[in-house]
Every structure is written in C-alpha cells, then in structure tokens.
Amino acid sequence: MIIAADGVHSSSVEEIIGKPNPALPTSNYNFAFRFLIPSAEIAADPETVQFTEDDDGRVKFFVAEGRRLVWYPCRKYASLLAAKCPDLHKDSVTRFTIL
C-alpha cells in the first residue's frame, strides 16, 4: 500500500505512475471541508455519544438529501476526522450541522 497525502500539487502520483499528472481546476464542487473533532467531546455529549460507542475504527458515511459526511477515528481514537462534502446539485454549498 502506498499513501501519498502531500496535497493537490503532489509529486508522489507522478513518481508512482511515471508520467505527469497535473492538478486540474474543477467546476463541480470537487472538494470537501475537513476538520478534527476531539473524541472526548463527542463521547461527553448525550446526543452524539452513539457515534463513539463500540467504535470499530471503520470509515462511516452519513448521507442525507444533498449532504454527505465521511467520518473516521484517527490519532489512536483521540480525534475523529470528518469531511463534509458540499451538495453537488446546488449552486452554493449546503449548510450542514452535526452537533
């Protein structure tokens, strides 16, 4: 397994595939807002504790009309990394509240 997480202007992909792979502009909201949430805060809240109980470490997907959230534990379960993807069918980014 090779993990190359050095950004949109990564040279890693080019090294792996052996040819140029330039970043291309997107017109379809091809991005996500990523953020870390301390696991202890999620576990301390009665409304969100269910998301940390018996966590098996797998990636979780929460999908609703025009909203998607990808969530998984990191830093030895000290934090949860979440990525909110915008609504691809709207002209503007959809507001998404998880807490």
C-alpha atoms as a PDB file:
ATOM      1  CA  MET A   1       0.000   0.000   0.000  1.00  0.00           C
ATOM      2  CA  ILE A   2       1.273   3.470  -0.884  1.00  0.00           C
ATOM      3  CA  ILE A   3      -0.173   6.528   0.814  1.00  0.00           C
ATOM      4  CA  ALA A   4       0.664   9.875  -0.774  1.00  0.00           C
ATOM      5  CA  ALA A   5      -1.013  12.694   1.125  1.00  0.00           C
ATOM      6  CA  ASP A   6       1.083  15.650   0.096  1.00  0.00           C
ATOM      7  CA  GLY A   7      -1.596  17.819  -1.473  1.00  0.00           C
ATOM      8  CA  VAL A   8      -3.054  18.794  -4.806  1.00  0.00           C
ATOM      9  CA  HIS A   9       0.371  19.589  -6.265  1.00  0.00           C
ATOM     10  CA  SER A  10       1.747  16.218  -5.207  1.00  0.00           C
ATOM     11  CA  SER A  11       4.814  14.849  -6.930  1.00  0.00           C
ATOM     12  CA  SER A  12       4.119  11.406  -5.453  1.00  0.00           C
ATOM     13  CA  VAL A  13       1.483  10.426  -8.015  1.00  0.00           C
ATOM     14  CA  GLU A  14       3.812  11.338 -10.863  1.00  0.00           C
ATOM     15  CA  GLU A  15       6.547   9.171  -9.328  1.00  0.00           C
ATOM     16  CA  ILE A  16       4.161   6.228  -8.946  1.00  0.00           C
ATOM     17  CA  ILE A  17       2.526   6.338 -12.383  1.00  0.00           C
ATOM     18  CA  GLY A  18       5.648   7.507 -14.227  1.00  0.00           C
ATOM     19  CA  LYS A  19       4.107  10.429 -16.112  1.00  0.00           C
ATOM     20  CA  PRO A  20       2.898  13.985 -15.399  1.00  0.00           C
ATOM     21  CA  ASN A  21      -0.392  14.271 -13.544  1.00  0.00           C
ATOM     22  CA  PRO A  22      -1.168  18.000 -13.229  1.00  0.00           C
ATOM     23  CA  ALA A  23      -3.880  19.333 -10.939  1.00  0.00           C
ATOM     24  CA  LEU A  24      -6.950  20.375 -12.906  1.00  0.00           C
ATOM     25  CA  PRO A  25      -9.494  23.028 -11.959  1.00  0.00           C
ATOM     26  CA  THR A  26     -12.915  21.738 -11.025  1.00  0.00           C
ATOM     27  CA  SER A  27     -16.324  23.131 -11.775  1.00  0.00           C
ATOM     28  CA  ASN A  28     -18.368  20.564  -9.854  1.00  0.00           C
ATOM     29  CA  TYR A  29     -17.537  21.289  -6.215  1.00  0.00           C
ATOM     30  CA  ASN A  30     -14.970  18.501  -6.193  1.00  0.00           C
ATOM     31  CA  PHE A  31     -13.746  19.241  -2.687  1.00  0.00           C
ATOM     32  CA  ALA A  32     -14.504  18.602   0.960  1.00  0.00           C
ATOM     33  CA  PHE A  33     -14.222  20.545   4.194  1.00  0.00           C
ATOM     34  CA  ARG A  34     -12.056  18.501   6.573  1.00  0.00           C
ATOM     35  CA  PHE A  35     -11.855  19.018  10.315  1.00  0.00           C
ATOM     36  CA  LEU A  36     -10.891  17.202  13.513  1.00  0.00           C
ATOM     37  CA  ILE A  37     -13.244  16.761  16.454  1.00  0.00           C
ATOM     38  CA  PRO A  38     -11.891  15.593  19.824  1.00  0.00           C
ATOM     39  CA  SER A  39     -13.416  12.168  20.529  1.00  0.00           C
ATOM     40  CA  ALA A  40     -13.886  13.077  24.186  1.00  0.00           C
ATOM     41  CA  GLU A  41     -16.236  15.931  23.236  1.00  0.00           C
ATOM     42  CA  ILE A  42     -18.368  13.642  21.089  1.00  0.00           C
ATOM     43  CA  ALA A  43     -18.440  10.976  23.828  1.00  0.00           C
ATOM     44  CA  ALA A  44     -19.402  13.535  26.503  1.00  0.00           C
ATOM     45  CA  ASP A  45     -22.490  14.749  24.644  1.00  0.00           C
ATOM     46  CA  PRO A  46     -25.625  12.572  25.121  1.00  0.00           C
ATOM     47  CA  GLU A  47     -26.792  13.423  21.588  1.00  0.00           C
ATOM     48  CA  THR A  48     -23.566  12.264  19.907  1.00  0.00           C
ATOM     49  CA  VAL A  49     -22.160   9.584  22.209  1.00  0.00           C
ATOM     50  CA  GLN A  50     -23.705   6.917  19.948  1.00  0.00           C
ATOM     51  CA  PHE A  51     -21.109   7.752  17.302  1.00  0.00           C
ATOM     52  CA  THR A  52     -18.200   6.760  19.557  1.00  0.00           C
ATOM     53  CA  GLU A  53     -19.642   3.797  21.454  1.00  0.00           C
ATOM     54  CA  ASP A  54     -18.183   0.466  20.322  1.00  0.00           C
ATOM     55  CA  ASP A  55     -16.289   2.225  17.528  1.00  0.00           C
ATOM     56  CA  ASP A  56     -14.640  -0.395  15.321  1.00  0.00           C
ATOM     57  CA  GLY A  57     -12.350   2.048  13.510  1.00  0.00           C
ATOM     58  CA  ARG A  58     -14.132   1.792  10.183  1.00  0.00           C
ATOM     59  CA  VAL A  59     -14.971   4.702   7.931  1.00  0.00           C
ATOM     60  CA  LYS A  60     -18.560   5.857   8.386  1.00  0.00           C
ATOM     61  CA  PHE A  61     -20.701   7.632   5.823  1.00  0.00           C
ATOM     62  CA  PHE A  62     -23.669   9.786   6.771  1.00  0.00           C
ATOM     63  CA  VAL A  63     -25.801  10.622   3.763  1.00  0.00           C
ATOM     64  CA  ALA A  64     -28.863  12.866   3.576  1.00  0.00           C
ATOM     65  CA  GLU A  65     -30.534  14.840   0.806  1.00  0.00           C
ATOM     66  CA  GLY A  66     -27.727  16.947  -0.628  1.00  0.00           C
ATOM     67  CA  ARG A  67     -25.409  16.259   2.314  1.00  0.00           C
ATOM     68  CA  ARG A  68     -22.606  13.791   2.906  1.00  0.00           C
ATOM     69  CA  LEU A  69     -20.264  13.371   5.827  1.00  0.00           C
ATOM     70  CA  VAL A  70     -17.329  10.960   5.965  1.00  0.00           C
ATOM     71  CA  TRP A  71     -16.039  10.201   9.454  1.00  0.00           C
ATOM     72  CA  TYR A  72     -13.330   8.004  10.951  1.00  0.00           C
ATOM     73  CA  PRO A  73     -11.173   7.860  14.090  1.00  0.00           C
ATOM     74  CA  CYS A  74      -7.533   8.922  13.994  1.00  0.00           C
ATOM     75  CA  ARG A  75      -4.693   9.674  16.398  1.00  0.00           C
ATOM     76  CA  LYS A  76      -5.369   6.450  18.291  1.00  0.00           C
ATOM     77  CA  TYR A  77      -9.059   7.389  18.704  1.00  0.00           C
ATOM     78  CA  ALA A  78      -8.192  10.741  20.330  1.00  0.00           C
ATOM     79  CA  SER A  79      -9.823  12.592  17.426  1.00  0.00           C
ATOM     80  CA  LEU A  80     -12.376  11.973  14.749  1.00  0.00           C
ATOM     81  CA  LEU A  81     -11.612  13.262  11.285  1.00  0.00           C
ATOM     82  CA  ALA A  82     -14.690  14.388   9.414  1.00  0.00           C
ATOM     83  CA  ALA A  83     -15.011  15.535   5.825  1.00  0.00           C
ATOM     84  CA  LYS A  84     -18.164  17.346   4.748  1.00  0.00           C
ATOM     85  CA  CYS A  85     -18.833  17.251   1.023  1.00  0.00           C
ATOM     86  CA  PRO A  86     -20.949  20.011  -0.495  1.00  0.00           C
ATOM     87  CA  ASP A  87     -24.185  19.416  -2.365  1.00  0.00           C
ATOM     88  CA  LEU A  88     -23.252  18.772  -5.989  1.00  0.00           C
ATOM     89  CA  HIS A  89     -26.734  19.651  -7.215  1.00  0.00           C
ATOM     90  CA  LYS A  90     -26.885  23.177  -5.804  1.00  0.00           C
ATOM     91  CA  ASP A  91     -25.208  26.399  -6.880  1.00  0.00           C
ATOM     92  CA  SER A  92     -23.911  27.036  -3.379  1.00  0.00           C
ATOM     93  CA  VAL A  93     -22.530  24.965  -0.543  1.00  0.00           C
ATOM     94  CA  THR A  94     -25.220  23.427   1.664  1.00  0.00           C
ATOM     95  CA  ARG A  95     -25.095  24.166   5.374  1.00  0.00           C
ATOM     96  CA  PHE A  96     -24.540  21.043   7.441  1.00  0.00           C
ATOM     97  CA  THR A  97     -24.793  20.893  11.205  1.00  0.00           C
ATOM     98  CA  ILE A  98     -23.732  17.735  13.010  1.00  0.00           C
ATOM     99  CA  LEU A  99     -23.758  18.927  16.611  1.00  0.00           C
END
